Amino acid sequence: MARYLAQIIVMGAQVVGRAFARALQQEFAASQAAAKARSSAGQHSAAASSITGMSLQEAQQILNVSTLTPEEIQKVVRAKERLDEELSIQTQQQSKQSQQNTET
């Protein structure tokens, strides 16, 4: 009985070990493929990522843009301009309020 139990444990460990080794190989291959894809994307993309501090995928996720089309990007630029204008208006209003508070 103990011998069969030991054989089952050894066989189970071998199966788990093989599965782990296979998963490790697949992960390594995926990592190599991703590295190759990043390098084939060119130095410009890597430089842009380092300058902006975020990757292309992160930027697309934040802006909820799945494809890079001029129309989508233009829409994002206009939205940013609108938000910048609103911030400017709020800053001016706060400045006026603080000046009124100091005068009274």
PDB file of N, CA and C in Angstrom:
ATOM      1  N   MET A   1       0.822  -1.186   0.000  1.00  0.00           N
ATOM      2  CA  MET A   1       0.000   0.000   0.000  1.00  0.00           C
ATOM      3  C   MET A   1       0.872   1.259   0.000  1.00  0.00           C
ATOM      4  N   ALA A   2       1.878   1.283   0.849  1.00  0.00           N
ATOM      5  CA  ALA A   2       2.763   2.443   0.924  1.00  0.00           C
ATOM      6  C   ALA A   2       3.532   2.612  -0.372  1.00  0.00           C
ATOM      7  N   ARG A   3       3.874   1.489  -0.999  1.00  0.00           N
ATOM      8  CA  ARG A   3       4.616   1.546  -2.269  1.00  0.00           C
ATOM      9  C   ARG A   3       3.767   2.185  -3.362  1.00  0.00           C
ATOM     10  N   TYR A   4       2.487   1.837  -3.420  1.00  0.00           N
ATOM     11  CA  TYR A   4       1.592   2.430  -4.417  1.00  0.00           C
ATOM     12  C   TYR A   4       1.389   3.920  -4.151  1.00  0.00           C
ATOM     13  N   LEU A   5       1.269   4.256  -2.903  1.00  0.00           N
ATOM     14  CA  LEU A   5       1.112   5.663  -2.539  1.00  0.00           C
ATOM     15  C   LEU A   5       2.352   6.459  -2.943  1.00  0.00           C
ATOM     16  N   ALA A   6       3.529   5.920  -2.717  1.00  0.00           N
ATOM     17  CA  ALA A   6       4.771   6.578  -3.113  1.00  0.00           C
ATOM     18  C   ALA A   6       4.848   6.725  -4.622  1.00  0.00           C
ATOM     19  N   GLN A   7       4.420   5.697  -5.369  1.00  0.00           N
ATOM     20  CA  GLN A   7       4.427   5.772  -6.833  1.00  0.00           C
ATOM     21  C   GLN A   7       3.459   6.843  -7.326  1.00  0.00           C
ATOM     22  N   ILE A   8       2.306   6.935  -6.703  1.00  0.00           N
ATOM     23  CA  ILE A   8       1.321   7.954  -7.093  1.00  0.00           C
ATOM     24  C   ILE A   8       1.885   9.353  -6.845  1.00  0.00           C
ATOM     25  N   ILE A   9       2.531   9.520  -5.715  1.00  0.00           N
ATOM     26  CA  ILE A   9       3.111  10.827  -5.390  1.00  0.00           C
ATOM     27  C   ILE A   9       4.214  11.189  -6.380  1.00  0.00           C
ATOM     28  N   VAL A  10       5.071  10.231  -6.706  1.00  0.00           N
ATOM     29  CA  VAL A  10       6.156  10.479  -7.656  1.00  0.00           C
ATOM     30  C   VAL A  10       5.591  10.801  -9.033  1.00  0.00           C
ATOM     31  N   MET A  11       4.604  10.031  -9.479  1.00  0.00           N
ATOM     32  CA  MET A  11       3.999  10.283 -10.801  1.00  0.00           C
ATOM     33  C   MET A  11       3.304  11.645 -10.825  1.00  0.00           C
ATOM     34  N   GLY A  12       2.624  11.985  -9.742  1.00  0.00           N
ATOM     35  CA  GLY A  12       1.965  13.296  -9.666  1.00  0.00           C
ATOM     36  C   GLY A  12       2.970  14.424  -9.734  1.00  0.00           C
ATOM     37  N   ALA A  13       4.075  14.265  -9.029  1.00  0.00           N
ATOM     38  CA  ALA A  13       5.118  15.285  -9.054  1.00  0.00           C
ATOM     39  C   ALA A  13       5.722  15.426 -10.445  1.00  0.00           C
ATOM     40  N   GLN A  14       5.878  14.299 -11.147  1.00  0.00           N
ATOM     41  CA  GLN A  14       6.414  14.343 -12.506  1.00  0.00           C
ATOM     42  C   GLN A  14       5.451  15.072 -13.442  1.00  0.00           C
ATOM     43  N   VAL A  15       4.172  14.790 -13.315  1.00  0.00           N
ATOM     44  CA  VAL A  15       3.167  15.438 -14.169  1.00  0.00           C
ATOM     45  C   VAL A  15       3.155  16.939 -13.911  1.00  0.00           C
ATOM     46  N   VAL A  16       3.154  17.314 -12.649  1.00  0.00           N
ATOM     47  CA  VAL A  16       3.152  18.742 -12.309  1.00  0.00           C
ATOM     48  C   VAL A  16       4.441  19.397 -12.779  1.00  0.00           C
ATOM     49  N   GLY A  17       5.558  18.711 -12.620  1.00  0.00           N
ATOM     50  CA  GLY A  17       6.841  19.249 -13.068  1.00  0.00           C
ATOM     51  C   GLY A  17       6.877  19.470 -14.573  1.00  0.00           C
ATOM     52  N   ARG A  18       6.364  18.501 -15.324  1.00  0.00           N
ATOM     53  CA  ARG A  18       6.318  18.660 -16.792  1.00  0.00           C
ATOM     54  C   ARG A  18       5.405  19.809 -17.195  1.00  0.00           C
ATOM     55  N   ALA A  19       4.255  19.900 -16.537  1.00  0.00           N
ATOM     56  CA  ALA A  19       3.319  20.985 -16.860  1.00  0.00           C
ATOM     57  C   ALA A  19       3.946  22.341 -16.551  1.00  0.00           C
ATOM     58  N   PHE A  20       4.640  22.424 -15.429  1.00  0.00           N
ATOM     59  CA  PHE A  20       5.308  23.671 -15.060  1.00  0.00           C
ATOM     60  C   PHE A  20       6.402  24.019 -16.063  1.00  0.00           C
ATOM     61  N   ALA A  21       7.172  23.038 -16.472  1.00  0.00           N
ATOM     62  CA  ALA A  21       8.241  23.271 -17.451  1.00  0.00           C
ATOM     63  C   ALA A  21       7.661  23.720 -18.785  1.00  0.00           C
ATOM     64  N   ARG A  22       6.566  23.105 -19.198  1.00  0.00           N
ATOM     65  CA  ARG A  22       5.917  23.486 -20.458  1.00  0.00           C
ATOM     66  C   ARG A  22       5.370  24.908 -20.371  1.00  0.00           C
ATOM     67  N   ALA A  23       4.741  25.241 -19.258  1.00  0.00           N
ATOM     68  CA  ALA A  23       4.222  26.601 -19.076  1.00  0.00           C
ATOM     69  C   ALA A  23       5.353  27.622 -19.069  1.00  0.00           C
ATOM     70  N   LEU A  24       6.459  27.261 -18.453  1.00  0.00           N
ATOM     71  CA  LEU A  24       7.620  28.143 -18.424  1.00  0.00           C
ATOM     72  C   LEU A  24       8.184  28.364 -19.827  1.00  0.00           C
ATOM     73  N   GLN A  25       8.243  27.308 -20.620  1.00  0.00           N
ATOM     74  CA  GLN A  25       8.720  27.432 -22.002  1.00  0.00           C
ATOM     75  C   GLN A  25       7.791  28.317 -22.821  1.00  0.00           C
ATOM     76  N   GLN A  26       6.482  28.150 -22.637  1.00  0.00           N
ATOM     77  CA  GLN A  26       5.522  28.962 -23.380  1.00  0.00           C
ATOM     78  C   GLN A  26       5.636  30.431 -22.980  1.00  0.00           C
ATOM     79  N   GLU A  27       5.804  30.676 -21.697  1.00  0.00           N
ATOM     80  CA  GLU A  27       5.944  32.053 -21.229  1.00  0.00           C
ATOM     81  C   GLU A  27       7.222  32.685 -21.770  1.00  0.00           C
ATOM     82  N   PHE A  28       8.293  31.918 -21.792  1.00  0.00           N
ATOM     83  CA  PHE A  28       9.553  32.419 -22.337  1.00  0.00           C
ATOM     84  C   PHE A  28       9.398  32.737 -23.824  1.00  0.00           C
ATOM     85  N   ALA A  29       8.732  31.850 -24.561  1.00  0.00           N
ATOM     86  CA  ALA A  29       8.526  32.084 -25.994  1.00  0.00           C
ATOM     87  C   ALA A  29       7.663  33.321 -26.215  1.00  0.00           C
ATOM     88  N   ALA A  30       6.626  33.501 -25.407  1.00  0.00           N
ATOM     89  CA  ALA A  30       5.765  34.678 -25.537  1.00  0.00           C
ATOM     90  C   ALA A  30       6.539  35.948 -25.209  1.00  0.00           C
ATOM     91  N   SER A  31       7.384  35.879 -24.204  1.00  0.00           N
ATOM     92  CA  SER A  31       8.203  37.028 -23.830  1.00  0.00           C
ATOM     93  C   SER A  31       9.172  37.388 -24.957  1.00  0.00           C
ATOM     94  N   GLN A  32       9.774  36.380 -25.553  1.00  0.00           N
ATOM     95  CA  GLN A  32      10.685  36.623 -26.673  1.00  0.00           C
ATOM     96  C   GLN A  32       9.939  37.232 -27.859  1.00  0.00           C
ATOM     97  N   ALA A  33       8.743  36.726 -28.135  1.00  0.00           N
ATOM     98  CA  ALA A  33       7.950  37.257 -29.247  1.00  0.00           C
ATOM     99  C   ALA A  33       7.555  38.708 -28.988  1.00  0.00           C
ATOM    100  N   ALA A  34       7.184  39.021 -27.743  1.00  0.00           N
ATOM    101  CA  ALA A  34       6.820  40.395 -27.408  1.00  0.00           C
ATOM    102  C   ALA A  34       8.020  41.330 -27.531  1.00  0.00           C
ATOM    103  N   ALA A  35       9.176  40.862 -27.087  1.00  0.00           N
ATOM    104  CA  ALA A  35      10.385  41.673 -27.210  1.00  0.00           C
ATOM    105  C   ALA A  35      10.736  41.911 -28.671  1.00  0.00           C
ATOM    106  N   LYS A  36      10.571  40.883 -29.475  1.00  0.00           N
ATOM    107  CA  LYS A  36      10.854  41.015 -30.907  1.00  0.00           C
ATOM    108  C   LYS A  36       9.880  41.993 -31.554  1.00  0.00           C
ATOM    109  N   ALA A  37       8.608  41.917 -31.162  1.00  0.00           N
ATOM    110  CA  ALA A  37       7.604  42.824 -31.721  1.00  0.00           C
ATOM    111  C   ALA A  37       7.901  44.263 -31.318  1.00  0.00           C
ATOM    112  N   ARG A  38       8.313  44.452 -30.069  1.00  0.00           N
ATOM    113  CA  ARG A  38       8.643  45.812 -29.622  1.00  0.00           C
ATOM    114  C   ARG A  38       9.838  46.368 -30.378  1.00  0.00           C
ATOM    115  N   SER A  39      10.839  45.529 -30.607  1.00  0.00           N
ATOM    116  CA  SER A  39      12.016  46.031 -31.310  1.00  0.00           C
ATOM    117  C   SER A  39      11.724  46.247 -32.785  1.00  0.00           C
ATOM    118  N   SER A  40      10.830  45.441 -33.355  1.00  0.00           N
ATOM    119  CA  SER A  40      10.494  45.638 -34.766  1.00  0.00           C
ATOM    120  C   SER A  40       9.590  46.845 -34.952  1.00  0.00           C
ATOM    121  N   ALA A  41       8.949  47.293 -33.878  1.00  0.00           N
ATOM    122  CA  ALA A  41       8.119  48.498 -33.971  1.00  0.00           C
ATOM    123  C   ALA A  41       8.985  49.721 -34.186  1.00  0.00           C
ATOM    124  N   GLY A  42      10.254  49.590 -33.891  1.00  0.00           N
ATOM    125  CA  GLY A  42      11.180  50.670 -34.188  1.00  0.00           C
ATOM    126  C   GLY A  42      11.617  51.427 -32.962  1.00  0.00           C
ATOM    127  N   GLN A  43      12.700  52.139 -33.142  1.00  0.00           N
ATOM    128  CA  GLN A  43      13.250  52.936 -32.052  1.00  0.00           C
ATOM    129  C   GLN A  43      12.379  54.149 -31.757  1.00  0.00           C
ATOM    130  N   HIS A  44      11.634  54.601 -32.754  1.00  0.00           N
ATOM    131  CA  HIS A  44      10.801  55.780 -32.554  1.00  0.00           C
ATOM    132  C   HIS A  44       9.739  55.527 -31.499  1.00  0.00           C
ATOM    133  N   SER A  45       9.111  54.364 -31.559  1.00  0.00           N
ATOM    134  CA  SER A  45       8.074  54.035 -30.585  1.00  0.00           C
ATOM    135  C   SER A  45       8.664  53.919 -29.193  1.00  0.00           C
ATOM    136  N   ALA A  46       9.823  53.304 -29.068  1.00  0.00           N
ATOM    137  CA  ALA A  46      10.475  53.179 -27.759  1.00  0.00           C
ATOM    138  C   ALA A  46      10.864  54.552 -27.234  1.00  0.00           C
ATOM    139  N   ALA A  47      11.361  55.403 -28.103  1.00  0.00           N
ATOM    140  CA  ALA A  47      11.744  56.752 -27.688  1.00  0.00           C
ATOM    141  C   ALA A  47      10.511  57.546 -27.243  1.00  0.00           C
ATOM    142  N   ALA A  48       9.424  57.411 -27.980  1.00  0.00           N
ATOM    143  CA  ALA A  48       8.191  58.107 -27.612  1.00  0.00           C
ATOM    144  C   ALA A  48       7.682  57.623 -26.264  1.00  0.00           C
ATOM    145  N   SER A  49       7.773  56.338 -26.021  1.00  0.00           N
ATOM    146  CA  SER A  49       7.334  55.790 -24.735  1.00  0.00           C
ATOM    147  C   SER A  49       8.177  56.329 -23.595  1.00  0.00           C
ATOM    148  N   SER A  50       9.477  56.430 -23.812  1.00  0.00           N
ATOM    149  CA  SER A  50      10.345  56.918 -22.734  1.00  0.00           C
ATOM    150  C   SER A  50      10.154  58.411 -22.501  1.00  0.00           C
ATOM    151  N   ILE A  51       9.867  59.157 -23.543  1.00  0.00           N
ATOM    152  CA  ILE A  51       9.662  60.602 -23.395  1.00  0.00           C
ATOM    153  C   ILE A  51       8.349  60.891 -22.670  1.00  0.00           C
ATOM    154  N   THR A  52       7.287  60.221 -23.091  1.00  0.00           N
ATOM    155  CA  THR A  52       5.968  60.488 -22.515  1.00  0.00           C
ATOM    156  C   THR A  52       5.734  59.770 -21.202  1.00  0.00           C
ATOM    157  N   GLY A  53       6.480  58.719 -20.953  1.00  0.00           N
ATOM    158  CA  GLY A  53       6.308  57.986 -19.701  1.00  0.00           C
ATOM    159  C   GLY A  53       5.201  56.959 -19.743  1.00  0.00           C
ATOM    160  N   MET A  54       4.672  56.681 -20.930  1.00  0.00           N
ATOM    161  CA  MET A  54       3.651  55.645 -21.050  1.00  0.00           C
ATOM    162  C   MET A  54       3.744  54.983 -22.408  1.00  0.00           C
ATOM    163  N   SER A  55       3.273  53.766 -22.455  1.00  0.00           N
ATOM    164  CA  SER A  55       3.327  53.027 -23.712  1.00  0.00           C
ATOM    165  C   SER A  55       2.127  53.391 -24.583  1.00  0.00           C
ATOM    166  N   LEU A  56       2.200  52.982 -25.820  1.00  0.00           N
ATOM    167  CA  LEU A  56       1.096  53.216 -26.756  1.00  0.00           C
ATOM    168  C   LEU A  56      -0.170  52.543 -26.260  1.00  0.00           C
ATOM    169  N   GLN A  57      -0.037  51.332 -25.747  1.00  0.00           N
ATOM    170  CA  GLN A  57      -1.213  50.603 -25.252  1.00  0.00           C
ATOM    171  C   GLN A  57      -1.858  51.331 -24.075  1.00  0.00           C
ATOM    172  N   GLU A  58      -1.038  51.875 -23.182  1.00  0.00           N
ATOM    173  CA  GLU A  58      -1.581  52.616 -22.048  1.00  0.00           C
ATOM    174  C   GLU A  58      -2.332  53.857 -22.515  1.00  0.00           C
ATOM    175  N   ALA A  59      -1.754  54.568 -23.463  1.00  0.00           N
ATOM    176  CA  ALA A  59      -2.402  55.774 -23.987  1.00  0.00           C
ATOM    177  C   ALA A  59      -3.728  55.437 -24.651  1.00  0.00           C
ATOM    178  N   GLN A  60      -3.757  54.362 -25.431  1.00  0.00           N
ATOM    179  CA  GLN A  60      -4.998  53.957 -26.085  1.00  0.00           C
ATOM    180  C   GLN A  60      -6.039  53.549 -25.060  1.00  0.00           C
ATOM    181  N   GLN A  61      -5.613  52.885 -24.007  1.00  0.00           N
ATOM    182  CA  GLN A  61      -6.556  52.450 -22.975  1.00  0.00           C
ATOM    183  C   GLN A  61      -7.131  53.645 -22.226  1.00  0.00           C
ATOM    184  N   ILE A  62      -6.293  54.607 -21.879  1.00  0.00           N
ATOM    185  CA  ILE A  62      -6.757  55.791 -21.155  1.00  0.00           C
ATOM    186  C   ILE A  62      -7.768  56.574 -21.986  1.00  0.00           C
ATOM    187  N   LEU A  63      -7.470  56.721 -23.274  1.00  0.00           N
ATOM    188  CA  LEU A  63      -8.337  57.509 -24.152  1.00  0.00           C
ATOM    189  C   LEU A  63      -9.467  56.697 -24.763  1.00  0.00           C
ATOM    190  N   ASN A  64      -9.498  55.404 -24.484  1.00  0.00           N
ATOM    191  CA  ASN A  64     -10.517  54.508 -25.016  1.00  0.00           C
ATOM    192  C   ASN A  64     -10.540  54.551 -26.540  1.00  0.00           C
ATOM    193  N   VAL A  65      -9.355  54.487 -27.131  1.00  0.00           N
ATOM    194  CA  VAL A  65      -9.192  54.494 -28.577  1.00  0.00           C
ATOM    195  C   VAL A  65      -8.570  53.165 -28.971  1.00  0.00           C
ATOM    196  N   SER A  66      -9.269  52.401 -29.805  1.00  0.00           N
ATOM    197  CA  SER A  66      -8.742  51.090 -30.177  1.00  0.00           C
ATOM    198  C   SER A  66      -7.913  51.150 -31.463  1.00  0.00           C
ATOM    199  N   THR A  67      -8.273  52.048 -32.365  1.00  0.00           N
ATOM    200  CA  THR A  67      -7.527  52.165 -33.613  1.00  0.00           C
ATOM    201  C   THR A  67      -6.980  53.580 -33.743  1.00  0.00           C
ATOM    202  N   LEU A  68      -5.824  53.679 -34.363  1.00  0.00           N
ATOM    203  CA  LEU A  68      -5.210  54.989 -34.548  1.00  0.00           C
ATOM    204  C   LEU A  68      -5.649  55.579 -35.882  1.00  0.00           C
ATOM    205  N   THR A  69      -6.696  56.358 -35.820  1.00  0.00           N
ATOM    206  CA  THR A  69      -7.155  57.059 -37.016  1.00  0.00           C
ATOM    207  C   THR A  69      -7.077  58.560 -36.749  1.00  0.00           C
ATOM    208  N   PRO A  70      -6.852  59.349 -37.791  1.00  0.00           N
ATOM    209  CA  PRO A  70      -6.781  60.802 -37.589  1.00  0.00           C
ATOM    210  C   PRO A  70      -8.051  61.378 -36.955  1.00  0.00           C
ATOM    211  N   GLU A  71      -9.203  60.823 -37.293  1.00  0.00           N
ATOM    212  CA  GLU A  71     -10.463  61.328 -36.745  1.00  0.00           C
ATOM    213  C   GLU A  71     -10.533  61.110 -35.236  1.00  0.00           C
ATOM    214  N   GLU A  72     -10.148  59.918 -34.799  1.00  0.00           N
ATOM    215  CA  GLU A  72     -10.177  59.616 -33.370  1.00  0.00           C
ATOM    216  C   GLU A  72      -9.196  60.502 -32.607  1.00  0.00           C
ATOM    217  N   ILE A  73      -8.012  60.653 -33.146  1.00  0.00           N
ATOM    218  CA  ILE A  73      -6.997  61.458 -32.477  1.00  0.00           C
ATOM    219  C   ILE A  73      -7.424  62.925 -32.438  1.00  0.00           C
ATOM    220  N   GLN A  74      -7.999  63.429 -33.521  1.00  0.00           N
ATOM    221  CA  GLN A  74      -8.466  64.814 -33.576  1.00  0.00           C
ATOM    222  C   GLN A  74      -9.544  65.041 -32.521  1.00  0.00           C
ATOM    223  N   LYS A  75     -10.447  64.028 -32.365  1.00  0.00           N
ATOM    224  CA  LYS A  75     -11.492  64.135 -31.358  1.00  0.00           C
ATOM    225  C   LYS A  75     -10.880  64.258 -29.959  1.00  0.00           C
ATOM    226  N   VAL A  76      -9.821  63.502 -29.711  1.00  0.00           N
ATOM    227  CA  VAL A  76      -9.163  63.531 -28.406  1.00  0.00           C
ATOM    228  C   VAL A  76      -8.485  64.877 -28.189  1.00  0.00           C
ATOM    229  N   VAL A  77      -7.853  65.391 -29.229  1.00  0.00           N
ATOM    230  CA  VAL A  77      -7.182  66.695 -29.125  1.00  0.00           C
ATOM    231  C   VAL A  77      -8.202  67.785 -28.810  1.00  0.00           C
ATOM    232  N   ARG A  78      -9.342  67.771 -29.487  1.00  0.00           N
ATOM    233  CA  ARG A  78     -10.384  68.778 -29.243  1.00  0.00           C
ATOM    234  C   ARG A  78     -10.934  68.653 -27.824  1.00  0.00           C
ATOM    235  N   ALA A  79     -11.088  67.444 -27.338  1.00  0.00           N
ATOM    236  CA  ALA A  79     -11.576  67.234 -25.976  1.00  0.00           C
ATOM    237  C   ALA A  79     -10.574  67.809 -24.969  1.00  0.00           C
ATOM    238  N   LYS A  80      -9.286  67.594 -25.203  1.00  0.00           N
ATOM    239  CA  LYS A  80      -8.263  68.138 -24.300  1.00  0.00           C
ATOM    240  C   LYS A  80      -8.279  69.662 -24.333  1.00  0.00           C
ATOM    241  N   GLU A  81      -8.416  70.232 -25.517  1.00  0.00           N
ATOM    242  CA  GLU A  81      -8.468  71.689 -25.619  1.00  0.00           C
ATOM    243  C   GLU A  81      -9.656  72.239 -24.834  1.00  0.00           C
ATOM    244  N   ARG A  82     -10.795  71.557 -24.902  1.00  0.00           N
ATOM    245  CA  ARG A  82     -11.990  71.996 -24.184  1.00  0.00           C
ATOM    246  C   ARG A  82     -11.765  71.930 -22.677  1.00  0.00           C
ATOM    247  N   LEU A  83     -11.144  70.843 -22.225  1.00  0.00           N
ATOM    248  CA  LEU A  83     -10.870  70.713 -20.797  1.00  0.00           C
ATOM    249  C   LEU A  83      -9.850  71.750 -20.330  1.00  0.00           C
ATOM    250  N   ASP A  84      -8.856  72.033 -21.154  1.00  0.00           N
ATOM    251  CA  ASP A  84      -7.880  73.072 -20.822  1.00  0.00           C
ATOM    252  C   ASP A  84      -8.561  74.428 -20.686  1.00  0.00           C
ATOM    253  N   GLU A  85      -9.490  74.718 -21.588  1.00  0.00           N
ATOM    254  CA  GLU A  85     -10.222  75.984 -21.539  1.00  0.00           C
ATOM    255  C   GLU A  85     -11.050  76.070 -20.260  1.00  0.00           C
ATOM    256  N   GLU A  86     -11.698  74.978 -19.883  1.00  0.00           N
ATOM    257  CA  GLU A  86     -12.495  74.963 -18.652  1.00  0.00           C
ATOM    258  C   GLU A  86     -11.614  75.178 -17.428  1.00  0.00           C
ATOM    259  N   LEU A  87     -10.440  74.570 -17.409  1.00  0.00           N
ATOM    260  CA  LEU A  87      -9.510  74.793 -16.299  1.00  0.00           C
ATOM    261  C   LEU A  87      -9.075  76.249 -16.226  1.00  0.00           C
ATOM    262  N   SER A  88      -8.858  76.856 -17.371  1.00  0.00           N
ATOM    263  CA  SER A  88      -8.473  78.258 -17.415  1.00  0.00           C
ATOM    264  C   SER A  88      -9.587  79.139 -16.849  1.00  0.00           C
ATOM    265  N   ILE A  89     -10.817  78.860 -17.225  1.00  0.00           N
ATOM    266  CA  ILE A  89     -11.970  79.625 -16.720  1.00  0.00           C
ATOM    267  C   ILE A  89     -12.084  79.472 -15.211  1.00  0.00           C
ATOM    268  N   GLN A  90     -11.936  78.240 -14.720  1.00  0.00           N
ATOM    269  CA  GLN A  90     -12.034  78.008 -13.278  1.00  0.00           C
ATOM    270  C   GLN A  90     -10.916  78.722 -12.522  1.00  0.00           C
ATOM    271  N   THR A  91      -9.726  78.723 -13.082  1.00  0.00           N
ATOM    272  CA  THR A  91      -8.598  79.402 -12.440  1.00  0.00           C
ATOM    273  C   THR A  91      -8.849  80.900 -12.359  1.00  0.00           C
ATOM    274  N   GLN A  92      -9.388  81.468 -13.440  1.00  0.00           N
ATOM    275  CA  GLN A  92      -9.699  82.897 -13.444  1.00  0.00           C
ATOM    276  C   GLN A  92     -10.766  83.227 -12.408  1.00  0.00           C
ATOM    277  N   GLN A  93     -11.786  82.377 -12.313  1.00  0.00           N
ATOM    278  CA  GLN A  93     -12.852  82.616 -11.338  1.00  0.00           C
ATOM    279  C   GLN A  93     -12.320  82.520  -9.916  1.00  0.00           C
ATOM    280  N   GLN A  94     -11.455  81.552  -9.654  1.00  0.00           N
ATOM    281  CA  GLN A  94     -10.881  81.420  -8.320  1.00  0.00           C
ATOM    282  C   GLN A  94      -9.994  82.612  -7.992  1.00  0.00           C
ATOM    283  N   SER A  95      -9.285  83.095  -8.990  1.00  0.00           N
ATOM    284  CA  SER A  95      -8.430  84.263  -8.786  1.00  0.00           C
ATOM    285  C   SER A  95      -9.274  85.482  -8.439  1.00  0.00           C
ATOM    286  N   LYS A  96     -10.381  85.688  -9.140  1.00  0.00           N
ATOM    287  CA  LYS A  96     -11.264  86.818  -8.862  1.00  0.00           C
ATOM    288  C   LYS A  96     -11.862  86.701  -7.470  1.00  0.00           C
ATOM    289  N   GLN A  97     -12.265  85.498  -7.090  1.00  0.00           N
ATOM    290  CA  GLN A  97     -12.860  85.294  -5.767  1.00  0.00           C
ATOM    291  C   GLN A  97     -11.844  85.563  -4.666  1.00  0.00           C
ATOM    292  N   SER A  98     -10.616  85.113  -4.865  1.00  0.00           N
ATOM    293  CA  SER A  98      -9.603  85.344  -3.839  1.00  0.00           C
ATOM    294  C   SER A  98      -9.264  86.827  -3.732  1.00  0.00           C
ATOM    295  N   GLN A  99      -9.306  87.552  -4.853  1.00  0.00           N
ATOM    296  CA  GLN A  99      -9.057  88.989  -4.814  1.00  0.00           C
ATOM    297  C   GLN A  99     -10.196  89.705  -4.085  1.00  0.00           C
ATOM    298  N   GLN A 100     -11.430  89.277  -4.330  1.00  0.00           N
ATOM    299  CA  GLN A 100     -12.585  89.884  -3.654  1.00  0.00           C
ATOM    300  C   GLN A 100     -12.523  89.590  -2.158  1.00  0.00           C
ATOM    301  N   ASN A 101     -12.099  88.416  -1.777  1.00  0.00           N
ATOM    302  CA  ASN A 101     -12.026  88.062  -0.363  1.00  0.00           C
ATOM    303  C   ASN A 101     -10.964  88.882   0.356  1.00  0.00           C
ATOM    304  N   THR A 102      -9.850  89.165  -0.321  1.00  0.00           N
ATOM    305  CA  THR A 102      -8.797  89.937   0.315  1.00  0.00           C
ATOM    306  C   THR A 102      -9.144  91.417   0.404  1.00  0.00           C
ATOM    307  N   GLU A 103     -10.007  91.909  -0.502  1.00  0.00           N
ATOM    308  CA  GLU A 103     -10.414  93.315  -0.489  1.00  0.00           C
ATOM    309  C   GLU A 103     -11.409  93.587   0.629  1.00  0.00           C
ATOM    310  N   THR A 104     -12.188  92.587   1.008  1.00  0.00           N
ATOM    311  CA  THR A 104     -13.192  92.809   2.047  1.00  0.00           C
ATOM    312  C   THR A 104     -12.711  92.589   3.415  1.00  0.00           C
TER     313      THR A 104
END
